[in-house]
Protein backbone atom coordinates (compact mmCIF):
# COMPACT_ATOMS: atom_id res chain seq x y z
CA MET A 1 0.00 0.00 0.00
CA ARG A 2 1.42 3.37 -1.04
CA LYS A 3 0.86 6.13 1.46
CA ALA A 4 1.52 9.84 1.65
CA ILE A 5 1.60 12.59 4.22
CA VAL A 6 0.73 15.80 2.39
CA ILE A 7 1.98 19.03 3.91
CA LEU A 8 -0.25 21.97 2.98
CA GLY A 9 0.46 25.59 3.80
CA ALA A 10 1.09 29.00 2.32
CA PRO A 11 4.56 29.91 1.10
CA GLY A 12 6.67 30.46 4.23
CA SER A 13 4.53 28.32 6.54
CA GLY A 14 7.35 25.82 7.01
CA LYS A 15 6.28 23.05 4.61
CA SER A 16 9.80 22.23 3.46
CA THR A 17 11.42 22.36 6.90
CA ILE A 18 8.64 20.30 8.48
CA GLY A 19 8.34 17.94 5.50
CA ARG A 20 12.04 17.08 5.31
CA SER A 21 12.33 16.48 9.04
CA LEU A 22 9.12 14.46 9.19
CA ALA A 23 10.27 12.30 6.27
CA ASP A 24 13.63 11.72 7.98
CA GLN A 25 12.00 10.76 11.28
CA LEU A 26 9.48 8.39 9.67
CA GLY A 27 11.80 6.94 7.02
CA TYR A 28 9.63 8.30 4.18
CA HIS A 29 10.78 9.71 0.85
CA TYR A 30 10.45 13.51 0.66
CA VAL A 31 9.32 15.30 -2.50
CA SER A 32 8.86 19.05 -2.92
CA THR A 33 7.22 20.49 -6.01
CA GLY A 34 9.28 23.64 -5.37
CA ASP A 35 12.50 21.60 -5.53
CA LEU A 36 11.22 19.86 -8.66
CA ALA A 37 10.49 23.25 -10.27
CA ARG A 38 13.95 24.60 -9.39
CA ARG A 39 15.53 21.45 -10.86
CA LEU A 40 13.50 21.91 -14.06
CA ILE A 41 14.64 25.56 -14.27
CA GLU A 42 18.26 24.40 -13.96
CA GLN A 43 17.52 22.06 -16.90
CA GLY A 44 16.27 24.98 -19.00
CA MET A 45 12.56 25.43 -18.18
CA ASP A 46 11.33 29.04 -18.55
CA ASP A 47 11.09 30.71 -15.12
CA THR A 48 9.15 33.92 -15.80
CA TRP A 49 6.20 32.48 -13.84
CA GLN A 50 8.27 32.83 -10.64
CA LEU A 51 8.47 36.62 -10.62
CA MET A 52 4.76 36.91 -11.39
CA GLY A 53 3.85 34.88 -8.31
CA ASP A 54 2.52 32.00 -10.42
CA PHE A 55 2.99 28.27 -10.02
CA ALA A 56 5.31 26.24 -12.20
CA PRO A 57 3.84 24.73 -15.39
CA GLU A 58 1.44 21.98 -14.31
CA ASP A 59 2.25 19.31 -16.89
CA GLN A 60 6.00 19.46 -16.26
CA ILE A 61 5.59 19.34 -12.47
CA ARG A 62 3.17 16.38 -12.65
CA GLN A 63 5.60 14.45 -14.84
CA ALA A 64 8.59 15.22 -12.60
CA PHE A 65 6.51 14.36 -9.50
CA ALA A 66 5.46 10.95 -10.89
CA GLU A 67 9.05 10.15 -11.81
CA ASP A 68 10.37 11.20 -8.39
CA ILE A 69 7.96 9.07 -6.32
CA LYS A 70 7.66 6.00 -8.55
CA ASP A 71 9.96 3.77 -6.48
CA HIS A 72 8.70 4.79 -3.03
CA GLN A 73 5.90 3.32 -0.92
CA ALA A 74 5.78 6.09 1.71
CA VAL A 75 6.19 9.75 0.76
CA VAL A 76 5.96 13.16 2.40
CA VAL A 77 4.58 15.55 -0.23
CA ASP A 78 5.32 19.29 -0.05
CA GLY A 79 3.61 21.64 -2.49
CA MET A 80 0.80 19.53 -3.91
CA PRO A 81 -2.14 19.97 -4.12
CA ARG A 82 -2.01 23.66 -5.05
CA LYS A 83 -5.11 23.40 -7.23
CA VAL A 84 -8.37 21.51 -6.66
CA ASP A 85 -7.79 19.04 -9.50
CA GLN A 86 -4.48 18.00 -7.93
CA VAL A 87 -6.43 16.52 -5.00
CA THR A 88 -7.58 13.77 -7.37
CA VAL A 89 -4.15 13.53 -9.02
CA LEU A 90 -2.66 12.43 -5.69
CA GLU A 91 -5.23 9.63 -5.44
CA GLY A 92 -3.76 8.22 -8.64
CA HIS A 93 -0.44 7.78 -6.87
CA PHE A 94 -1.34 6.83 -3.29
CA ASP A 95 -3.75 4.47 -1.55
CA GLU A 96 -3.78 6.31 1.78
CA ILE A 97 -3.31 10.07 2.18
CA THR A 98 -3.01 12.05 5.40
CA CYS A 99 -3.03 15.86 5.15
CA ILE A 100 -1.45 18.37 7.50
CA ASN A 101 -2.38 22.02 6.97
CA LEU A 102 0.17 24.49 8.40
CA VAL A 103 -1.53 27.77 9.24
CA ALA A 104 0.35 31.08 9.65
CA GLU A 105 -0.43 34.81 9.48
CA MET A 106 0.68 37.01 6.56
CA ASP A 107 3.22 38.92 8.69
CA THR A 108 4.90 35.67 9.74
CA LEU A 109 4.99 34.40 6.15
CA VAL A 110 6.49 37.62 4.76
CA GLU A 111 9.11 37.78 7.52
CA ARG A 112 10.20 34.18 6.98
CA LEU A 113 10.36 34.43 3.20
CA MET A 114 12.19 37.77 3.13
CA SER A 115 14.95 36.18 5.21
CA ARG A 116 15.53 33.36 2.65
CA GLY A 117 16.92 35.64 -0.06
CA ARG A 118 15.61 33.77 -3.11
CA VAL A 119 14.94 35.67 -6.33
CA ASP A 120 11.16 35.41 -5.92
CA ASP A 121 11.21 36.39 -2.24
CA GLN A 122 10.36 40.08 -2.65
CA GLU A 123 7.60 41.45 -0.42
CA LYS A 124 5.27 42.32 -3.30
CA VAL A 125 5.70 38.88 -4.92
CA ILE A 126 5.38 37.11 -1.56
CA LYS A 127 2.06 38.82 -0.79
CA LEU A 128 0.81 38.01 -4.29
CA ARG A 129 1.75 34.33 -3.85
CA VAL A 130 0.10 34.13 -0.41
CA ARG A 131 -3.11 35.80 -1.63
CA LYS A 132 -3.24 33.41 -4.59
CA TYR A 133 -2.70 30.48 -2.22
CA ASN A 134 -5.41 31.71 0.16
CA ARG A 135 -7.93 31.97 -2.70
CA GLN A 136 -7.31 28.34 -3.67
CA ILE A 137 -6.81 26.59 -0.34
CA THR A 138 -10.43 26.86 0.80
CA GLN A 139 -11.65 24.86 -2.21
CA ILE A 140 -8.79 22.38 -1.82
CA LEU A 141 -9.61 21.78 1.87
CA GLU A 142 -13.32 21.37 1.06
CA GLU A 143 -12.50 18.80 -1.64
CA ILE A 144 -10.23 16.87 0.75
CA GLU A 145 -12.91 16.92 3.47
CA ASP A 146 -15.48 15.62 0.97
CA LYS A 147 -13.15 12.79 0.00
CA ILE A 148 -12.54 11.91 3.65
CA ALA A 149 -16.30 11.81 4.27
CA ARG A 150 -16.75 9.48 1.27
CA GLY A 151 -14.04 7.13 2.54
CA ASP A 152 -11.76 7.71 -0.45
CA HIS A 153 -7.97 7.64 -0.35
CA TYR A 154 -7.86 10.65 1.96
CA LYS A 155 -7.93 9.54 5.61
CA SER A 156 -7.51 12.73 7.65
CA LEU A 157 -6.95 16.49 7.50
CA GLN A 158 -5.49 18.31 10.47
CA SER A 159 -4.52 21.95 10.88
CA VAL A 160 -1.52 23.00 12.96
CA GLY A 161 -0.73 26.61 13.88
CA ALA A 162 2.76 27.46 12.66
CA ASP A 163 3.17 31.07 13.83
CA ASP A 164 4.61 30.66 17.32
CA ARG A 165 5.91 27.10 17.20
CA THR A 166 9.33 25.72 16.33
CA PRO A 167 9.58 23.07 13.61
CA GLU A 168 10.33 20.51 16.31
CA GLN A 169 7.14 21.40 18.19
CA ILE A 170 5.08 21.14 15.00
CA ILE A 171 6.58 17.74 14.15
CA ASP A 172 5.87 16.50 17.69
CA ILE A 173 2.22 17.58 17.28
CA ILE A 174 1.95 15.85 13.89
CA ILE A 175 3.51 12.60 15.09
CA GLY A 176 1.42 12.71 18.28
CA ARG A 177 -1.77 13.02 16.23
CA MET A 178 -0.69 10.17 13.96
CA ASP A 179 -0.30 7.92 16.99
CA ASP A 180 -3.85 8.69 18.23
């Protein structure tokens, strides 16, 4: 049985930090759509979408994602779903999906991302990315909740506040809830 822990959250909520550490602790493979996009850019993919606060081209990310996870039975997923239709895409790859939604305020997200120093981490672009994320996440969460209620591949959805907690505290909460 292939299973996934999906880490949801706005840019800067800690998805990558939490996801990598959680994968290490559980012995899962870690995949980040952000890392996949950066790898594709290094291989020559156009990157103008980055500075406009957009997501990477869907078809290329889906292909790279499928290739990255194909040999793994347990995966921590960072950065997908970002669109409602990706909720169903994940069901095509995994039998059992647990979702963790990291919740943080705009000020926290901007502060964290400004300190990273990446090319797309400019305040105006950050706020655009977060607003775009916030517009989409409500529909994504509703779709996941519907699938949980129907007994589909999605098994649970839990929110964790990420503003005033360290990554270690967040991971302890996630693992504690998994043990319940």
